[in-house]
Amino acid sequence: MVSPYLWLGMAILLGVAGQLVLKAGAETSGEGLAQFLSPWTIAGFGIYFLSALTYIVAIKKIPVSLAYPSVSISYGLLAVLAHFLWREPLTWQHWAGIALISSGIFVMFRA
C-alpha cells in the first residue's frame, strides 16, 4: 500500500508541473481562444486533473487541515523553478516567504 503522504507529495509535484506547463503554453501560444486551445494549455489542465486525483487519494487518510496547507510548499518550489526556467525574479523577499511557508509546514507536521 502506498503511503498517503507519497500521494500528497505526488499531488504537489503534479500541481507544480501543471503550473509550469501552463506557463509554457502562455508564453508560446497566441491570444484569446488560441491560448486555451494550445496543446500546452490542454496538457497543463490534464496534469492539474491528475494532481487533483492524487490529492483525493491522499486526503482519504490525511486530515485536510494538514494536507491542504502542505500544498503551499508548491509556491516556493515553483518560484525557484520559474527563476531557473524563465529568469523570473527571486529576491530575498521571495526567499523569506519561502522560509516562512516551509517553517509553517514544519511546525504543522510536528504538532
PDB file of N, CA and C in Angstrom:
ATOM      1  N   MET A   1       0.841  -1.183   0.000  1.00  0.00           N
ATOM      2  CA  MET A   1       0.000   0.000   0.000  1.00  0.00           C
ATOM      3  C   MET A   1       0.885   1.245   0.000  1.00  0.00           C
ATOM      4  N   VAL A   2       0.550   2.191  -0.836  1.00  0.00           N
ATOM      5  CA  VAL A   2       1.322   3.429  -0.964  1.00  0.00           C
ATOM      6  C   VAL A   2       0.926   4.381   0.164  1.00  0.00           C
ATOM      7  N   SER A   3       1.904   4.997   0.780  1.00  0.00           N
ATOM      8  CA  SER A   3       1.666   5.942   1.865  1.00  0.00           C
ATOM      9  C   SER A   3       0.822   7.120   1.374  1.00  0.00           C
ATOM     10  N   PRO A   4      -0.130   7.577   2.177  1.00  0.00           N
ATOM     11  CA  PRO A   4      -0.907   8.749   1.769  1.00  0.00           C
ATOM     12  C   PRO A   4      -0.030   9.994   1.622  1.00  0.00           C
ATOM     13  N   TYR A   5       1.086  10.032   2.339  1.00  0.00           N
ATOM     14  CA  TYR A   5       1.997  11.169   2.216  1.00  0.00           C
ATOM     15  C   TYR A   5       2.739  11.146   0.877  1.00  0.00           C
ATOM     16  N   LEU A   6       2.943   9.961   0.340  1.00  0.00           N
ATOM     17  CA  LEU A   6       3.512   9.862  -1.008  1.00  0.00           C
ATOM     18  C   LEU A   6       2.497  10.379  -2.033  1.00  0.00           C
ATOM     19  N   TRP A   7       1.228  10.045  -1.841  1.00  0.00           N
ATOM     20  CA  TRP A   7       0.174  10.566  -2.720  1.00  0.00           C
ATOM     21  C   TRP A   7       0.109  12.087  -2.635  1.00  0.00           C
ATOM     22  N   LEU A   8       0.239  12.617  -1.412  1.00  0.00           N
ATOM     23  CA  LEU A   8       0.234  14.071  -1.233  1.00  0.00           C
ATOM     24  C   LEU A   8       1.425  14.701  -1.938  1.00  0.00           C
ATOM     25  N   GLY A   9       2.591  14.094  -1.789  1.00  0.00           N
ATOM     26  CA  GLY A   9       3.782  14.600  -2.477  1.00  0.00           C
ATOM     27  C   GLY A   9       3.616  14.584  -3.986  1.00  0.00           C
ATOM     28  N   MET A  10       3.022  13.511  -4.503  1.00  0.00           N
ATOM     29  CA  MET A  10       2.777  13.442  -5.947  1.00  0.00           C
ATOM     30  C   MET A  10       1.788  14.512  -6.383  1.00  0.00           C
ATOM     31  N   ALA A  11       0.767  14.762  -5.570  1.00  0.00           N
ATOM     32  CA  ALA A  11      -0.215  15.805  -5.897  1.00  0.00           C
ATOM     33  C   ALA A  11       0.464  17.168  -5.968  1.00  0.00           C
ATOM     34  N   ILE A  12       1.353  17.431  -5.026  1.00  0.00           N
ATOM     35  CA  ILE A  12       2.062  18.705  -5.006  1.00  0.00           C
ATOM     36  C   ILE A  12       2.966  18.832  -6.225  1.00  0.00           C
ATOM     37  N   LEU A  13       3.726  17.798  -6.524  1.00  0.00           N
ATOM     38  CA  LEU A  13       4.633  17.848  -7.677  1.00  0.00           C
ATOM     39  C   LEU A  13       3.877  17.947  -8.995  1.00  0.00           C
ATOM     40  N   LEU A  14       2.765  17.237  -9.105  1.00  0.00           N
ATOM     41  CA  LEU A  14       1.953  17.337 -10.315  1.00  0.00           C
ATOM     42  C   LEU A  14       1.348  18.727 -10.449  1.00  0.00           C
ATOM     43  N   GLY A  15       0.958  19.334  -9.333  1.00  0.00           N
ATOM     44  CA  GLY A  15       0.443  20.696  -9.372  1.00  0.00           C
ATOM     45  C   GLY A  15       1.492  21.679  -9.878  1.00  0.00           C
ATOM     46  N   VAL A  16       2.727  21.504  -9.418  1.00  0.00           N
ATOM     47  CA  VAL A  16       3.834  22.347  -9.886  1.00  0.00           C
ATOM     48  C   VAL A  16       4.067  22.111 -11.377  1.00  0.00           C
ATOM     49  N   ALA A  17       4.085  20.850 -11.779  1.00  0.00           N
ATOM     50  CA  ALA A  17       4.294  20.532 -13.197  1.00  0.00           C
ATOM     51  C   ALA A  17       3.180  21.139 -14.053  1.00  0.00           C
ATOM     52  N   GLY A  18       1.947  21.056 -13.580  1.00  0.00           N
ATOM     53  CA  GLY A  18       0.833  21.644 -14.317  1.00  0.00           C
ATOM     54  C   GLY A  18       1.005  23.144 -14.485  1.00  0.00           C
ATOM     55  N   GLN A  19       1.448  23.808 -13.435  1.00  0.00           N
ATOM     56  CA  GLN A  19       1.661  25.250 -13.494  1.00  0.00           C
ATOM     57  C   GLN A  19       2.775  25.607 -14.482  1.00  0.00           C
ATOM     58  N   LEU A  20       3.851  24.817 -14.483  1.00  0.00           N
ATOM     59  CA  LEU A  20       4.954  25.060 -15.414  1.00  0.00           C
ATOM     60  C   LEU A  20       4.512  24.860 -16.863  1.00  0.00           C
ATOM     61  N   VAL A  21       3.711  23.844 -17.100  1.00  0.00           N
ATOM     62  CA  VAL A  21       3.231  23.572 -18.458  1.00  0.00           C
ATOM     63  C   VAL A  21       2.265  24.669 -18.901  1.00  0.00           C
ATOM     64  N   LEU A  22       1.414  25.145 -17.984  1.00  0.00           N
ATOM     65  CA  LEU A  22       0.524  26.256 -18.332  1.00  0.00           C
ATOM     66  C   LEU A  22       1.325  27.519 -18.663  1.00  0.00           C
ATOM     67  N   LYS A  23       2.386  27.776 -17.914  1.00  0.00           N
ATOM     68  CA  LYS A  23       3.235  28.940 -18.199  1.00  0.00           C
ATOM     69  C   LYS A  23       3.877  28.799 -19.575  1.00  0.00           C
ATOM     70  N   ALA A  24       4.371  27.604 -19.880  1.00  0.00           N
ATOM     71  CA  ALA A  24       4.965  27.366 -21.199  1.00  0.00           C
ATOM     72  C   ALA A  24       3.927  27.611 -22.289  1.00  0.00           C
ATOM     73  N   GLY A  25       2.703  27.181 -22.057  1.00  0.00           N
ATOM     74  CA  GLY A  25       1.636  27.412 -23.022  1.00  0.00           C
ATOM     75  C   GLY A  25       1.322  28.888 -23.184  1.00  0.00           C
ATOM     76  N   ALA A  26       1.329  29.609 -22.072  1.00  0.00           N
ATOM     77  CA  ALA A  26       1.042  31.040 -22.126  1.00  0.00           C
ATOM     78  C   ALA A  26       2.115  31.784 -22.909  1.00  0.00           C
ATOM     79  N   GLU A  27       3.340  31.316 -22.815  1.00  0.00           N
ATOM     80  CA  GLU A  27       4.440  32.002 -23.492  1.00  0.00           C
ATOM     81  C   GLU A  27       4.546  31.641 -24.967  1.00  0.00           C
ATOM     82  N   THR A  28       4.018  30.486 -25.360  1.00  0.00           N
ATOM     83  CA  THR A  28       4.211  30.033 -26.741  1.00  0.00           C
ATOM     84  C   THR A  28       2.953  30.125 -27.603  1.00  0.00           C
ATOM     85  N   SER A  29       1.813  30.387 -26.983  1.00  0.00           N
ATOM     86  CA  SER A  29       0.568  30.399 -27.754  1.00  0.00           C
ATOM     87  C   SER A  29       0.159  31.823 -28.102  1.00  0.00           C
ATOM     88  N   GLY A  30      -0.888  31.916 -28.891  1.00  0.00           N
ATOM     89  CA  GLY A  30      -1.421  33.214 -29.288  1.00  0.00           C
ATOM     90  C   GLY A  30      -2.271  33.824 -28.184  1.00  0.00           C
ATOM     91  N   GLU A  31      -3.166  34.689 -28.591  1.00  0.00           N
ATOM     92  CA  GLU A  31      -4.051  35.375 -27.651  1.00  0.00           C
ATOM     93  C   GLU A  31      -5.449  34.766 -27.696  1.00  0.00           C
ATOM     94  N   GLY A  32      -6.219  35.060 -26.677  1.00  0.00           N
ATOM     95  CA  GLY A  32      -7.622  34.665 -26.645  1.00  0.00           C
ATOM     96  C   GLY A  32      -7.838  33.172 -26.687  1.00  0.00           C
ATOM     97  N   LEU A  33      -8.743  32.754 -27.565  1.00  0.00           N
ATOM     98  CA  LEU A  33      -9.126  31.350 -27.660  1.00  0.00           C
ATOM     99  C   LEU A  33      -7.946  30.459 -28.031  1.00  0.00           C
ATOM    100  N   ALA A  34      -7.026  30.970 -28.840  1.00  0.00           N
ATOM    101  CA  ALA A  34      -5.862  30.175 -29.250  1.00  0.00           C
ATOM    102  C   ALA A  34      -5.043  29.745 -28.045  1.00  0.00           C
ATOM    103  N   GLN A  35      -4.970  30.585 -27.041  1.00  0.00           N
ATOM    104  CA  GLN A  35      -4.201  30.231 -25.844  1.00  0.00           C
ATOM    105  C   GLN A  35      -4.839  29.055 -25.112  1.00  0.00           C
ATOM    106  N   PHE A  36      -6.172  29.022 -25.079  1.00  0.00           N
ATOM    107  CA  PHE A  36      -6.860  27.942 -24.375  1.00  0.00           C
ATOM    108  C   PHE A  36      -6.879  26.644 -25.170  1.00  0.00           C
ATOM    109  N   LEU A  37      -6.701  26.735 -26.479  1.00  0.00           N
ATOM    110  CA  LEU A  37      -6.674  25.538 -27.317  1.00  0.00           C
ATOM    111  C   LEU A  37      -5.258  25.040 -27.579  1.00  0.00           C
ATOM    112  N   SER A  38      -4.283  25.710 -27.022  1.00  0.00           N
ATOM    113  CA  SER A  38      -2.882  25.305 -27.168  1.00  0.00           C
ATOM    114  C   SER A  38      -2.677  23.924 -26.546  1.00  0.00           C
ATOM    115  N   PRO A  39      -1.898  23.062 -27.196  1.00  0.00           N
ATOM    116  CA  PRO A  39      -1.603  21.751 -26.604  1.00  0.00           C
ATOM    117  C   PRO A  39      -0.959  21.869 -25.225  1.00  0.00           C
ATOM    118  N   TRP A  40      -0.141  22.899 -25.034  1.00  0.00           N
ATOM    119  CA  TRP A  40       0.488  23.106 -23.723  1.00  0.00           C
ATOM    120  C   TRP A  40      -0.565  23.398 -22.657  1.00  0.00           C
ATOM    121  N   THR A  41      -1.517  24.238 -22.980  1.00  0.00           N
ATOM    122  CA  THR A  41      -2.566  24.586 -22.017  1.00  0.00           C
ATOM    123  C   THR A  41      -3.424  23.367 -21.696  1.00  0.00           C
ATOM    124  N   ILE A  42      -3.795  22.634 -22.714  1.00  0.00           N
ATOM    125  CA  ILE A  42      -4.604  21.430 -22.505  1.00  0.00           C
ATOM    126  C   ILE A  42      -3.832  20.417 -21.664  1.00  0.00           C
ATOM    127  N   ALA A  43      -2.542  20.259 -21.959  1.00  0.00           N
ATOM    128  CA  ALA A  43      -1.706  19.352 -21.157  1.00  0.00           C
ATOM    129  C   ALA A  43      -1.611  19.830 -19.711  1.00  0.00           C
ATOM    130  N   GLY A  44      -1.472  21.138 -19.521  1.00  0.00           N
ATOM    131  CA  GLY A  44      -1.409  21.691 -18.165  1.00  0.00           C
ATOM    132  C   GLY A  44      -2.662  21.381 -17.371  1.00  0.00           C
ATOM    133  N   PHE A  45      -3.827  21.550 -18.016  1.00  0.00           N
ATOM    134  CA  PHE A  45      -5.083  21.213 -17.349  1.00  0.00           C
ATOM    135  C   PHE A  45      -5.157  19.714 -17.035  1.00  0.00           C
ATOM    136  N   GLY A  46      -4.663  18.882 -17.951  1.00  0.00           N
ATOM    137  CA  GLY A  46      -4.644  17.436 -17.715  1.00  0.00           C
ATOM    138  C   GLY A  46      -3.771  17.067 -16.524  1.00  0.00           C
ATOM    139  N   ILE A  47      -2.632  17.719 -16.421  1.00  0.00           N
ATOM    140  CA  ILE A  47      -1.736  17.450 -15.289  1.00  0.00           C
ATOM    141  C   ILE A  47      -2.388  17.901 -13.986  1.00  0.00           C
ATOM    142  N   TYR A  48      -3.068  19.056 -14.019  1.00  0.00           N
ATOM    143  CA  TYR A  48      -3.808  19.508 -12.834  1.00  0.00           C
ATOM    144  C   TYR A  48      -4.879  18.495 -12.437  1.00  0.00           C
ATOM    145  N   PHE A  49      -5.531  17.910 -13.423  1.00  0.00           N
ATOM    146  CA  PHE A  49      -6.548  16.894 -13.131  1.00  0.00           C
ATOM    147  C   PHE A  49      -5.912  15.696 -12.416  1.00  0.00           C
ATOM    148  N   LEU A  50      -4.754  15.249 -12.910  1.00  0.00           N
ATOM    149  CA  LEU A  50      -4.045  14.152 -12.236  1.00  0.00           C
ATOM    150  C   LEU A  50      -3.642  14.547 -10.824  1.00  0.00           C
ATOM    151  N   SER A  51      -3.246  15.801 -10.656  1.00  0.00           N
ATOM    152  CA  SER A  51      -2.899  16.302  -9.329  1.00  0.00           C
ATOM    153  C   SER A  51      -4.104  16.206  -8.395  1.00  0.00           C
ATOM    154  N   ALA A  52      -5.263  16.601  -8.893  1.00  0.00           N
ATOM    155  CA  ALA A  52      -6.481  16.533  -8.079  1.00  0.00           C
ATOM    156  C   ALA A  52      -6.809  15.094  -7.699  1.00  0.00           C
ATOM    157  N   LEU A  53      -6.637  14.167  -8.627  1.00  0.00           N
ATOM    158  CA  LEU A  53      -6.911  12.758  -8.328  1.00  0.00           C
ATOM    159  C   LEU A  53      -5.990  12.229  -7.234  1.00  0.00           C
ATOM    160  N   THR A  54      -4.708  12.536  -7.331  1.00  0.00           N
ATOM    161  CA  THR A  54      -3.772  12.050  -6.310  1.00  0.00           C
ATOM    162  C   THR A  54      -4.039  12.735  -4.967  1.00  0.00           C
ATOM    163  N   TYR A  55      -4.469  13.993  -5.005  1.00  0.00           N
ATOM    164  CA  TYR A  55      -4.804  14.703  -3.766  1.00  0.00           C
ATOM    165  C   TYR A  55      -6.010  14.050  -3.090  1.00  0.00           C
ATOM    166  N   ILE A  56      -6.989  13.651  -3.878  1.00  0.00           N
ATOM    167  CA  ILE A  56      -8.167  12.987  -3.317  1.00  0.00           C
ATOM    168  C   ILE A  56      -7.768  11.696  -2.607  1.00  0.00           C
ATOM    169  N   VAL A  57      -6.866  10.931  -3.217  1.00  0.00           N
ATOM    170  CA  VAL A  57      -6.390   9.700  -2.582  1.00  0.00           C
ATOM    171  C   VAL A  57      -5.692  10.032  -1.265  1.00  0.00           C
ATOM    172  N   ALA A  58      -4.901  11.101  -1.253  1.00  0.00           N
ATOM    173  CA  ALA A  58      -4.165  11.483  -0.043  1.00  0.00           C
ATOM    174  C   ALA A  58      -5.100  11.889   1.088  1.00  0.00           C
ATOM    175  N   ILE A  59      -6.121  12.696   0.776  1.00  0.00           N
ATOM    176  CA  ILE A  59      -6.974  13.198   1.863  1.00  0.00           C
ATOM    177  C   ILE A  59      -7.964  12.159   2.385  1.00  0.00           C
ATOM    178  N   LYS A  60      -7.961  11.005   1.754  1.00  0.00           N
ATOM    179  CA  LYS A  60      -8.754   9.917   2.312  1.00  0.00           C
ATOM    180  C   LYS A  60      -8.166   9.493   3.663  1.00  0.00           C
ATOM    181  N   LYS A  61      -6.846   9.630   3.808  1.00  0.00           N
ATOM    182  CA  LYS A  61      -6.161   9.196   5.041  1.00  0.00           C
ATOM    183  C   LYS A  61      -5.527  10.347   5.826  1.00  0.00           C
ATOM    184  N   ILE A  62      -5.246  11.473   5.177  1.00  0.00           N
ATOM    185  CA  ILE A  62      -4.606  12.612   5.837  1.00  0.00           C
ATOM    186  C   ILE A  62      -5.672  13.668   6.095  1.00  0.00           C
ATOM    187  N   PRO A  63      -5.723  14.226   7.315  1.00  0.00           N
ATOM    188  CA  PRO A  63      -6.700  15.293   7.560  1.00  0.00           C
ATOM    189  C   PRO A  63      -6.486  16.452   6.580  1.00  0.00           C
ATOM    190  N   VAL A  64      -7.575  16.958   6.023  1.00  0.00           N
ATOM    191  CA  VAL A  64      -7.469  18.050   5.057  1.00  0.00           C
ATOM    192  C   VAL A  64      -6.870  19.294   5.710  1.00  0.00           C
ATOM    193  N   SER A  65      -7.031  19.421   7.027  1.00  0.00           N
ATOM    194  CA  SER A  65      -6.448  20.559   7.739  1.00  0.00           C
ATOM    195  C   SER A  65      -4.927  20.504   7.752  1.00  0.00           C
ATOM    196  N   LEU A  66      -4.354  19.360   7.452  1.00  0.00           N
ATOM    197  CA  LEU A  66      -2.904  19.216   7.319  1.00  0.00           C
ATOM    198  C   LEU A  66      -2.499  19.140   5.850  1.00  0.00           C
ATOM    199  N   ALA A  67      -3.289  18.430   5.064  1.00  0.00           N
ATOM    200  CA  ALA A  67      -2.931  18.221   3.657  1.00  0.00           C
ATOM    201  C   ALA A  67      -2.999  19.507   2.843  1.00  0.00           C
ATOM    202  N   TYR A  68      -4.077  20.269   2.995  1.00  0.00           N
ATOM    203  CA  TYR A  68      -4.242  21.453   2.148  1.00  0.00           C
ATOM    204  C   TYR A  68      -3.161  22.505   2.393  1.00  0.00           C
ATOM    205  N   PRO A  69      -2.850  22.850   3.640  1.00  0.00           N
ATOM    206  CA  PRO A  69      -1.753  23.804   3.830  1.00  0.00           C
ATOM    207  C   PRO A  69      -0.410  23.285   3.306  1.00  0.00           C
ATOM    208  N   SER A  70      -0.241  21.981   3.275  1.00  0.00           N
ATOM    209  CA  SER A  70       1.003  21.400   2.759  1.00  0.00           C
ATOM    210  C   SER A  70       1.204  21.714   1.286  1.00  0.00           C
ATOM    211  N   VAL A  71       0.125  21.921   0.571  1.00  0.00           N
ATOM    212  CA  VAL A  71       0.204  22.243  -0.851  1.00  0.00           C
ATOM    213  C   VAL A  71       0.940  23.571  -1.065  1.00  0.00           C
ATOM    214  N   SER A  72       0.987  24.420  -0.033  1.00  0.00           N
ATOM    215  CA  SER A  72       1.685  25.703  -0.165  1.00  0.00           C
ATOM    216  C   SER A  72       3.186  25.527  -0.396  1.00  0.00           C
ATOM    217  N   ILE A  73       3.707  24.352  -0.145  1.00  0.00           N
ATOM    218  CA  ILE A  73       5.106  24.065  -0.471  1.00  0.00           C
ATOM    219  C   ILE A  73       5.351  24.301  -1.957  1.00  0.00           C
ATOM    220  N   SER A  74       4.312  24.085  -2.748  1.00  0.00           N
ATOM    221  CA  SER A  74       4.444  24.261  -4.195  1.00  0.00           C
ATOM    222  C   SER A  74       4.783  25.700  -4.568  1.00  0.00           C
ATOM    223  N   TYR A  75       4.372  26.677  -3.752  1.00  0.00           N
ATOM    224  CA  TYR A  75       4.663  28.076  -4.071  1.00  0.00           C
ATOM    225  C   TYR A  75       6.166  28.322  -4.136  1.00  0.00           C
ATOM    226  N   GLY A  76       6.868  27.842  -3.132  1.00  0.00           N
ATOM    227  CA  GLY A  76       8.317  28.023  -3.107  1.00  0.00           C
ATOM    228  C   GLY A  76       9.012  27.246  -4.207  1.00  0.00           C
ATOM    229  N   LEU A  77       8.590  26.013  -4.392  1.00  0.00           N
ATOM    230  CA  LEU A  77       9.188  25.176  -5.430  1.00  0.00           C
ATOM    231  C   LEU A  77       8.988  25.800  -6.803  1.00  0.00           C
ATOM    232  N   LEU A  78       7.799  26.293  -7.042  1.00  0.00           N
ATOM    233  CA  LEU A  78       7.502  26.920  -8.331  1.00  0.00           C
ATOM    234  C   LEU A  78       8.304  28.202  -8.534  1.00  0.00           C
ATOM    235  N   ALA A  79       8.472  28.993  -7.482  1.00  0.00           N
ATOM    236  CA  ALA A  79       9.248  30.231  -7.589  1.00  0.00           C
ATOM    237  C   ALA A  79      10.699  29.935  -7.978  1.00  0.00           C
ATOM    238  N   VAL A  80      11.275  28.919  -7.367  1.00  0.00           N
ATOM    239  CA  VAL A  80      12.664  28.554  -7.671  1.00  0.00           C
ATOM    240  C   VAL A  80      12.766  28.029  -9.106  1.00  0.00           C
ATOM    241  N   LEU A  81      11.861  27.163  -9.506  1.00  0.00           N
ATOM    242  CA  LEU A  81      11.896  26.619 -10.865  1.00  0.00           C
ATOM    243  C   LEU A  81      11.675  27.703 -11.912  1.00  0.00           C
ATOM    244  N   ALA A  82      10.741  28.617 -11.657  1.00  0.00           N
ATOM    245  CA  ALA A  82      10.477  29.709 -12.601  1.00  0.00           C
ATOM    246  C   ALA A  82      11.695  30.619 -12.732  1.00  0.00           C
ATOM    247  N   HIS A  83      12.436  30.764 -11.653  1.00  0.00           N
ATOM    248  CA  HIS A  83      13.659  31.575 -11.705  1.00  0.00           C
ATOM    249  C   HIS A  83      14.664  30.951 -12.679  1.00  0.00           C
ATOM    250  N   PHE A  84      14.822  29.650 -12.592  1.00  0.00           N
ATOM    251  CA  PHE A  84      15.800  28.987 -13.456  1.00  0.00           C
ATOM    252  C   PHE A  84      15.300  28.806 -14.888  1.00  0.00           C
ATOM    253  N   LEU A  85      14.008  28.576 -15.056  1.00  0.00           N
ATOM    254  CA  LEU A  85      13.470  28.335 -16.395  1.00  0.00           C
ATOM    255  C   LEU A  85      13.216  29.611 -17.190  1.00  0.00           C
ATOM    256  N   TRP A  86      12.710  30.658 -16.514  1.00  0.00           N
ATOM    257  CA  TRP A  86      12.315  31.874 -17.227  1.00  0.00           C
ATOM    258  C   TRP A  86      12.986  33.127 -16.683  1.00  0.00           C
ATOM    259  N   ARG A  87      13.964  32.950 -15.827  1.00  0.00           N
ATOM    260  CA  ARG A  87      14.687  34.085 -15.246  1.00  0.00           C
ATOM    261  C   ARG A  87      13.759  35.037 -14.493  1.00  0.00           C
ATOM    262  N   GLU A  88      12.703  34.483 -13.890  1.00  0.00           N
ATOM    263  CA  GLU A  88      11.825  35.315 -13.079  1.00  0.00           C
ATOM    264  C   GLU A  88      12.571  35.717 -11.807  1.00  0.00           C
ATOM    265  N   PRO A  89      12.258  36.891 -11.247  1.00  0.00           N
ATOM    266  CA  PRO A  89      12.998  37.365 -10.079  1.00  0.00           C
ATOM    267  C   PRO A  89      12.852  36.438  -8.885  1.00  0.00           C
ATOM    268  N   LEU A  90      13.916  36.332  -8.119  1.00  0.00           N
ATOM    269  CA  LEU A  90      13.912  35.561  -6.878  1.00  0.00           C
ATOM    270  C   LEU A  90      14.727  36.367  -5.875  1.00  0.00           C
ATOM    271  N   THR A  91      14.060  37.294  -5.234  1.00  0.00           N
ATOM    272  CA  THR A  91      14.715  38.240  -4.329  1.00  0.00           C
ATOM    273  C   THR A  91      14.794  37.677  -2.915  1.00  0.00           C
ATOM    274  N   TRP A  92      15.419  38.437  -2.044  1.00  0.00           N
ATOM    275  CA  TRP A  92      15.495  37.988  -0.656  1.00  0.00           C
ATOM    276  C   TRP A  92      14.100  37.918  -0.037  1.00  0.00           C
ATOM    277  N   GLN A  93      13.171  38.769  -0.511  1.00  0.00           N
ATOM    278  CA  GLN A  93      11.804  38.709  -0.001  1.00  0.00           C
ATOM    279  C   GLN A  93      11.123  37.388  -0.395  1.00  0.00           C
ATOM    280  N   HIS A  94      11.407  36.946  -1.619  1.00  0.00           N
ATOM    281  CA  HIS A  94      10.882  35.640  -2.039  1.00  0.00           C
ATOM    282  C   HIS A  94      11.440  34.543  -1.141  1.00  0.00           C
ATOM    283  N   TRP A  95      12.741  34.578  -0.923  1.00  0.00           N
ATOM    284  CA  TRP A  95      13.370  33.568  -0.068  1.00  0.00           C
ATOM    285  C   TRP A  95      12.812  33.616   1.351  1.00  0.00           C
ATOM    286  N   ALA A  96      12.561  34.818   1.869  1.00  0.00           N
ATOM    287  CA  ALA A  96      11.981  34.948   3.207  1.00  0.00           C
ATOM    288  C   ALA A  96      10.589  34.328   3.242  1.00  0.00           C
ATOM    289  N   GLY A  97       9.794  34.588   2.208  1.00  0.00           N
ATOM    290  CA  GLY A  97       8.464  33.989   2.130  1.00  0.00           C
ATOM    291  C   GLY A  97       8.517  32.471   2.051  1.00  0.00           C
ATOM    292  N   ILE A  98       9.446  31.973   1.249  1.00  0.00           N
ATOM    293  CA  ILE A  98       9.618  30.518   1.129  1.00  0.00           C
ATOM    294  C   ILE A  98      10.018  29.927   2.479  1.00  0.00           C
ATOM    295  N   ALA A  99      10.893  30.618   3.190  1.00  0.00           N
ATOM    296  CA  ALA A  99      11.320  30.144   4.511  1.00  0.00           C
ATOM    297  C   ALA A  99      10.149  30.141   5.496  1.00  0.00           C
ATOM    298  N   LEU A 100       9.325  31.176   5.460  1.00  0.00           N
ATOM    299  CA  LEU A 100       8.166  31.232   6.356  1.00  0.00           C
ATOM    300  C   LEU A 100       7.176  30.108   6.048  1.00  0.00           C
ATOM    301  N   ILE A 101       6.902  29.895   4.778  1.00  0.00           N
ATOM    302  CA  ILE A 101       5.990  28.817   4.393  1.00  0.00           C
ATOM    303  C   ILE A 101       6.555  27.471   4.842  1.00  0.00           C
ATOM    304  N   SER A 102       7.835  27.248   4.568  1.00  0.00           N
ATOM    305  CA  SER A 102       8.468  25.974   4.927  1.00  0.00           C
ATOM    306  C   SER A 102       8.456  25.753   6.437  1.00  0.00           C
ATOM    307  N   SER A 103       8.755  26.804   7.188  1.00  0.00           N
ATOM    308  CA  SER A 103       8.766  26.644   8.643  1.00  0.00           C
ATOM    309  C   SER A 103       7.344  26.401   9.167  1.00  0.00           C
ATOM    310  N   GLY A 104       6.346  27.036   8.552  1.00  0.00           N
ATOM    311  CA  GLY A 104       4.973  26.792   8.959  1.00  0.00           C
ATOM    312  C   GLY A 104       4.553  25.349   8.723  1.00  0.00           C
ATOM    313  N   ILE A 105       4.922  24.816   7.597  1.00  0.00           N
ATOM    314  CA  ILE A 105       4.610  23.407   7.300  1.00  0.00           C
ATOM    315  C   ILE A 105       5.341  22.490   8.274  1.00  0.00           C
ATOM    316  N   PHE A 106       6.602  22.802   8.560  1.00  0.00           N
ATOM    317  CA  PHE A 106       7.378  22.010   9.519  1.00  0.00           C
ATOM    318  C   PHE A 106       6.686  21.990  10.891  1.00  0.00           C
ATOM    319  N   VAL A 107       6.249  23.157  11.345  1.00  0.00           N
ATOM    320  CA  VAL A 107       5.573  23.246  12.646  1.00  0.00           C
ATOM    321  C   VAL A 107       4.275  22.442  12.634  1.00  0.00           C
ATOM    322  N   MET A 108       3.530  22.522  11.536  1.00  0.00           N
ATOM    323  CA  MET A 108       2.274  21.778  11.456  1.00  0.00           C
ATOM    324  C   MET A 108       2.505  20.267  11.559  1.00  0.00           C
ATOM    325  N   PHE A 109       3.543  19.787  10.916  1.00  0.00           N
ATOM    326  CA  PHE A 109       3.801  18.353  10.935  1.00  0.00           C
ATOM    327  C   PHE A 109       4.389  17.891  12.264  1.00  0.00           C
ATOM    328  N   ARG A 110       4.939  18.795  13.028  1.00  0.00           N
ATOM    329  CA  ARG A 110       5.499  18.450  14.337  1.00  0.00           C
ATOM    330  C   ARG A 110       4.430  18.407  15.422  1.00  0.00           C
ATOM    331  N   ALA A 111       3.287  19.038  15.165  1.00  0.00           N
ATOM    332  CA  ALA A 111       2.240  19.132  16.202  1.00  0.00           C
ATOM    333  C   ALA A 111       1.554  17.809  16.417  1.00  0.00           C
TER     334      ALA A 111
END
